Protein backbone atom coordinates (compact mmCIF):
# COMPACT_ATOMS: atom_id res chain seq x y z
CA MET A 1 10.89 -49.23 -28.17
CA PRO A 2 12.36 -48.01 -24.88
CA THR A 3 10.05 -48.05 -21.87
CA LEU A 4 8.85 -44.79 -20.33
CA PHE A 5 11.32 -45.24 -17.48
CA GLU A 6 14.13 -45.77 -20.01
CA GLN A 7 13.09 -42.63 -21.85
CA ALA A 8 13.12 -40.70 -18.57
CA ALA A 9 16.55 -42.08 -17.67
CA ALA A 10 17.92 -40.94 -21.04
CA ILE A 11 16.53 -37.43 -20.52
CA VAL A 12 18.11 -37.15 -17.07
CA SER A 13 21.45 -38.55 -18.28
CA GLN A 14 21.65 -36.06 -21.16
CA ALA A 15 20.74 -33.00 -19.08
CA ASP A 16 23.22 -30.62 -17.50
CA ALA A 17 20.73 -28.67 -15.35
CA ILE A 18 17.85 -29.97 -13.26
CA LEU A 19 14.77 -28.27 -11.86
CA ILE A 20 12.94 -30.35 -9.25
CA ALA A 21 9.33 -29.18 -9.13
CA ALA A 22 7.48 -30.82 -6.25
CA GLY A 23 3.91 -30.84 -4.99
CA ALA A 24 2.16 -32.58 -2.13
CA GLY A 25 2.60 -36.04 -3.66
CA MET A 26 6.35 -35.85 -3.06
CA GLY A 27 5.90 -36.50 0.66
CA VAL A 28 3.40 -39.36 0.50
CA ASP A 29 6.13 -42.03 0.39
CA SER A 30 7.57 -40.55 3.59
CA GLY A 31 4.23 -41.17 5.28
CA LEU A 32 2.93 -37.61 5.06
CA PRO A 33 -0.81 -37.21 4.42
CA ASP A 34 -2.12 -35.63 1.25
CA PHE A 35 -4.63 -32.95 2.24
CA ARG A 36 -5.90 -32.24 -1.27
CA SER A 37 -9.00 -34.43 -0.98
CA LYS A 38 -11.64 -34.30 1.75
CA ASP A 39 -11.27 -38.01 2.40
CA GLY A 40 -7.51 -37.69 2.78
CA PHE A 41 -7.84 -34.71 5.09
CA TRP A 42 -10.62 -36.16 7.20
CA GLY A 43 -8.77 -39.47 7.43
CA ALA A 44 -5.88 -37.64 9.08
CA TYR A 45 -8.14 -35.38 11.19
CA PRO A 46 -11.38 -37.18 12.13
CA GLN A 47 -12.25 -34.45 14.66
CA ALA A 48 -12.46 -31.99 11.77
CA LYS A 49 -14.84 -34.33 9.95
CA GLN A 50 -17.16 -34.42 12.95
CA LEU A 51 -17.35 -30.61 12.89
CA LYS A 52 -17.49 -30.55 9.06
CA PHE A 53 -14.27 -28.53 8.77
CA ASP A 54 -12.34 -29.18 5.56
CA PHE A 55 -8.77 -28.22 4.66
CA GLU A 56 -9.79 -24.83 3.28
CA ALA A 57 -11.56 -23.92 6.53
CA LEU A 58 -8.50 -24.70 8.67
CA ALA A 59 -6.00 -23.17 6.24
CA ASN A 60 -7.66 -19.77 6.09
CA GLY A 61 -5.57 -16.67 6.62
CA ALA A 62 -8.51 -14.28 7.00
CA VAL A 63 -9.95 -16.08 10.06
CA PHE A 64 -6.65 -17.02 11.74
CA PRO A 65 -6.57 -13.94 14.04
CA TYR A 66 -10.02 -14.86 15.39
CA ARG A 67 -9.65 -18.67 15.63
CA ALA A 68 -5.94 -18.90 16.40
CA ARG A 69 -6.11 -21.61 19.08
CA GLN A 70 -8.29 -23.83 16.89
CA LEU A 71 -6.10 -23.37 13.84
CA TRP A 72 -2.94 -23.98 15.85
CA TRP A 73 -4.49 -27.35 16.77
CA PHE A 74 -4.09 -28.16 13.08
CA TYR A 75 -0.82 -26.37 12.31
CA GLY A 76 0.85 -27.43 15.55
CA HIS A 77 0.28 -31.05 14.63
CA ARG A 78 1.59 -30.49 11.11
CA LEU A 79 4.70 -28.77 12.44
CA ALA A 80 5.45 -31.68 14.79
CA LEU A 81 4.70 -34.21 12.03
CA TYR A 82 7.10 -32.59 9.57
CA ARG A 83 9.83 -32.34 12.21
CA ASP A 84 9.51 -36.05 13.00
CA THR A 85 9.31 -37.29 9.39
CA LEU A 86 12.40 -38.56 7.58
CA PRO A 87 12.56 -37.84 3.83
CA HIS A 88 12.25 -41.00 1.74
CA LYS A 89 15.02 -42.46 -0.43
CA GLY A 90 13.82 -40.57 -3.49
CA PHE A 91 15.23 -37.33 -2.08
CA GLN A 92 18.72 -38.84 -2.02
CA ILE A 93 18.34 -40.10 -5.59
CA LEU A 94 17.52 -36.56 -6.69
CA LYS A 95 20.57 -35.28 -4.80
CA GLN A 96 22.76 -37.76 -6.68
CA TRP A 97 21.42 -36.58 -10.04
CA ALA A 98 21.96 -32.94 -9.09
CA ALA A 99 25.53 -33.65 -7.99
CA ARG A 100 26.30 -35.27 -11.36
CA MET A 101 25.40 -31.96 -12.98
CA GLY A 102 27.84 -30.04 -10.83
CA ASP A 103 25.09 -29.14 -8.40
CA ASN A 104 23.39 -27.17 -11.17
CA TYR A 105 19.92 -27.58 -9.72
CA PHE A 106 17.06 -25.73 -8.05
CA ILE A 107 14.03 -26.81 -6.03
CA TYR A 108 10.64 -25.24 -6.77
CA THR A 109 8.03 -26.55 -4.36
CA SER A 110 4.58 -25.70 -3.11
CA ASN A 111 5.21 -27.86 -0.03
CA VAL A 112 5.68 -26.04 3.26
CA ASP A 113 7.19 -29.01 5.13
CA GLY A 114 10.93 -28.27 4.79
CA GLN A 115 11.65 -31.85 3.69
CA PHE A 116 14.09 -30.85 0.94
CA GLN A 117 16.25 -28.91 3.40
CA LYS A 118 16.02 -31.80 5.85
CA ALA A 119 17.26 -34.12 3.09
CA GLY A 120 20.33 -31.92 2.64
CA PHE A 121 19.44 -29.70 -0.28
CA ALA A 122 20.86 -26.19 0.03
CA PRO A 123 18.35 -23.59 1.33
CA SER A 124 19.87 -21.12 -1.16
CA ARG A 125 18.72 -23.39 -4.01
CA THR A 126 15.15 -23.80 -2.75
CA TYR A 127 12.10 -21.73 -3.65
CA GLU A 128 9.14 -22.47 -1.37
CA CYS A 129 6.48 -20.63 -3.34
CA HIS A 130 3.85 -21.07 -0.60
CA GLY A 131 6.18 -20.36 2.32
CA SER A 132 7.35 -22.57 5.20
CA ILE A 133 5.66 -23.85 8.35
CA HIS A 134 9.04 -23.63 10.08
CA HIS A 135 8.79 -19.82 10.11
CA LEU A 136 6.24 -17.57 11.80
CA GLN A 137 4.69 -14.14 11.24
CA CYS A 138 1.98 -11.98 12.78
CA ALA A 139 -1.53 -13.29 12.11
CA SER A 140 -2.71 -9.79 11.22
CA GLU A 141 -0.99 -6.93 9.42
CA CYS A 142 0.84 -5.07 12.19
CA GLN A 143 4.32 -5.57 10.69
CA SER A 144 6.29 -7.69 8.24
CA ASP A 145 8.78 -9.57 10.42
CA ILE A 146 9.36 -13.29 9.88
CA TRP A 147 11.05 -15.44 12.53
CA PRO A 148 11.91 -19.14 13.02
CA ALA A 149 9.35 -21.36 14.72
CA GLY A 150 12.11 -22.68 16.98
CA GLU A 151 11.10 -25.33 19.52
CA LEU A 152 7.41 -24.51 19.39
CA ASN A 153 5.35 -27.42 20.74
CA PHE A 154 1.71 -28.00 21.63
CA THR A 155 -0.34 -30.50 23.59
CA ARG A 156 -3.36 -31.32 21.46
CA ARG A 157 -6.62 -32.46 23.03
CA LYS A 158 -7.58 -35.81 21.55
CA GLU A 159 -11.32 -35.28 21.25
CA GLN A 160 -11.43 -31.53 20.73
CA MET A 161 -9.95 -29.13 18.22
CA ALA A 162 -8.00 -27.22 20.84
CA VAL A 163 -4.49 -26.97 22.28
CA ASP A 164 -3.26 -26.69 25.84
CA GLY A 165 -0.58 -24.16 26.72
CA ASP A 166 0.47 -20.92 25.09
CA ILE A 167 0.22 -20.34 21.36
CA PRO A 168 2.87 -18.10 19.74
CA TYR A 169 2.33 -14.36 19.77
CA CYS A 170 3.66 -11.53 17.66
CA PRO A 171 6.44 -9.65 19.48
CA SER A 172 5.25 -6.32 18.04
CA CYS A 173 1.51 -6.22 18.70
CA CYS A 174 1.16 -9.20 21.11
CA GLY A 175 -1.59 -10.62 18.91
CA PRO A 176 -1.56 -14.23 17.66
CA ALA A 177 1.25 -15.40 15.41
CA ARG A 178 0.81 -17.91 12.58
CA PRO A 179 2.94 -19.95 10.17
CA ASN A 180 4.51 -17.95 7.37
CA ILE A 181 2.68 -19.84 4.66
CA LEU A 182 0.18 -18.82 2.01
CA MET A 183 -3.30 -19.89 3.09
CA PHE A 184 -6.69 -19.67 1.43
CA ASP A 185 -8.36 -16.24 1.47
CA ASP A 186 -5.15 -14.79 2.87
CA PRO A 187 -4.70 -11.01 3.02
CA TYR A 188 -1.96 -11.19 5.66
CA TRP A 189 0.73 -13.49 4.23
CA VAL A 190 4.17 -11.85 4.49
CA GLU A 191 5.93 -12.68 1.21
CA ASP A 192 9.39 -11.25 1.97
CA ARG A 193 11.15 -14.57 2.55
CA SER A 194 9.51 -16.24 -0.44
CA GLU A 195 10.27 -13.26 -2.68
CA GLU A 196 13.98 -13.47 -1.82
CA GLN A 197 13.92 -17.13 -2.82
CA GLN A 198 12.07 -16.23 -6.01
CA GLU A 199 14.73 -13.71 -7.00
CA ARG A 200 17.50 -16.31 -6.63
CA PHE A 201 15.43 -18.84 -8.55
CA GLU A 202 14.77 -16.50 -11.47
CA VAL A 203 18.48 -15.67 -11.80
CA TRP A 204 19.31 -19.38 -11.83
CA LEU A 205 16.50 -20.25 -14.25
CA ALA A 206 17.61 -17.65 -16.80
CA LYS A 207 21.02 -19.32 -16.96
CA ALA A 208 19.67 -22.88 -16.79
CA GLN A 209 17.43 -22.29 -19.80
CA GLN A 210 20.56 -21.75 -21.87
CA LYS A 211 21.60 -25.31 -21.03
CA SER A 212 20.04 -28.73 -21.48
CA LEU A 213 17.44 -28.36 -18.74
CA VAL A 214 15.23 -31.14 -17.39
CA VAL A 215 12.23 -30.42 -15.19
CA ILE A 216 11.37 -33.34 -12.91
CA GLU A 217 7.89 -32.63 -11.62
CA ILE A 218 6.75 -34.89 -8.79
CA GLY A 219 3.35 -35.18 -7.15
CA ALA A 220 1.95 -31.87 -8.40
CA GLY A 221 -1.76 -32.17 -9.10
CA ASN A 222 -4.40 -29.94 -10.64
CA ALA A 223 -6.20 -29.02 -7.40
CA VAL A 224 -3.59 -26.34 -6.60
CA PRO A 225 -1.81 -26.03 -9.97
CA THR A 226 1.01 -23.64 -9.03
CA VAL A 227 3.79 -26.15 -9.75
CA ARG A 228 2.22 -27.57 -12.90
CA ARG A 229 1.83 -24.12 -14.41
CA LEU A 230 5.55 -23.49 -14.07
CA SER A 231 6.45 -26.87 -15.56
CA ASP A 232 4.09 -26.38 -18.48
CA SER A 233 5.47 -22.91 -19.19
CA LEU A 234 9.10 -24.03 -19.62
CA THR A 235 8.66 -25.20 -23.18
CA ASN A 236 12.38 -25.19 -24.00
CA ALA A 237 13.08 -27.77 -21.28
CA LYS A 238 12.38 -31.50 -21.13
CA LEU A 239 9.60 -32.30 -18.65
CA ILE A 240 9.23 -35.57 -16.73
CA ARG A 241 5.88 -35.55 -14.94
CA ILE A 242 5.59 -38.14 -12.14
CA ASN A 243 2.04 -38.49 -10.87
CA PRO A 244 -0.21 -41.49 -10.13
CA LYS A 245 -3.37 -39.69 -11.32
CA ASP A 246 -2.95 -36.41 -13.21
CA THR A 247 -0.76 -37.53 -16.13
CA ASP A 248 -1.74 -35.10 -18.89
CA VAL A 249 1.37 -33.45 -20.34
CA PRO A 250 2.22 -30.68 -22.81
CA PRO A 251 4.18 -31.53 -26.00
CA HIS A 252 7.55 -31.20 -24.23
CA GLY A 253 6.52 -33.62 -21.48
CA LEU A 254 6.81 -37.31 -20.62
CA ALA A 255 4.23 -38.73 -18.20
CA LEU A 256 5.00 -41.48 -15.67
CA LYS A 257 1.88 -42.77 -13.94
CA SER A 258 3.57 -43.59 -10.66
CA GLY A 259 4.28 -42.48 -7.14
CA ALA A 260 7.42 -40.49 -6.42
CA LEU A 261 9.61 -43.16 -4.83
CA GLU A 262 8.73 -45.93 -7.28
CA ALA A 263 9.46 -43.76 -10.32
CA LEU A 264 12.72 -42.35 -8.98
CA ILE A 265 14.04 -45.80 -8.04
CA ASN A 266 13.15 -47.24 -11.47
CA ILE A 267 14.77 -44.37 -13.34
CA ASN A 268 17.87 -44.48 -11.15
CA GLU A 269 18.37 -48.22 -11.64
CA ILE A 270 18.56 -47.63 -15.39
CA ILE A 271 20.94 -44.67 -15.05
CA GLU A 272 23.30 -46.61 -12.80
């Protein structure tokens, strides 16, 4: 009997369209923290643990206008971290597979880090369903403009959840600005940019479903199941689910209990 990696390699080799569906686990092999557990979040931000702030408390759209400097302590660090992080080798393996299919691919990701674009994937073939930290918007509801974060930088105080220097402000109302990402309890998220990506994705997906489509889902857990729901719904595609923990799959799926980089390298060695 072929191994699970051999089965995955055969699925990829026989496909002529590829959907890369990525969650937070995709970035772990690049050294990015996984915020989905309290231990993981507090390990990256011990100051938050001291004050008993969890991820949901610092990723809250409703309170951002009133605690902007504190929340920019968190998001400013994440922005700098994502800018400084190099995508791991697995991104290039995925690019190779997409190129073999005539670039007939799309990225669907709940990650806001911009790592796929940094790895060279086309922005026009990327749907960031939760937005991007590399773009800003007003923290309240004064208008719907979205603009690039540019060279925004902060000096973070080591022992306090605060930043020195100016935080970004909305050019329309002069109130605090925030990342253009979907947060918890978020009445203010401006969806325009994400909706444009969604429209392109849906046009592509309608055509791709007429082909031999493979969905390669990587690092998408059950805590925030946006990515998994999409993968599970595409029952006429082959699904390869790569996850070290949450390996349950629907009938059209193949589960690989592995991290992203390890699985992609093993599959690629068989394909080559």
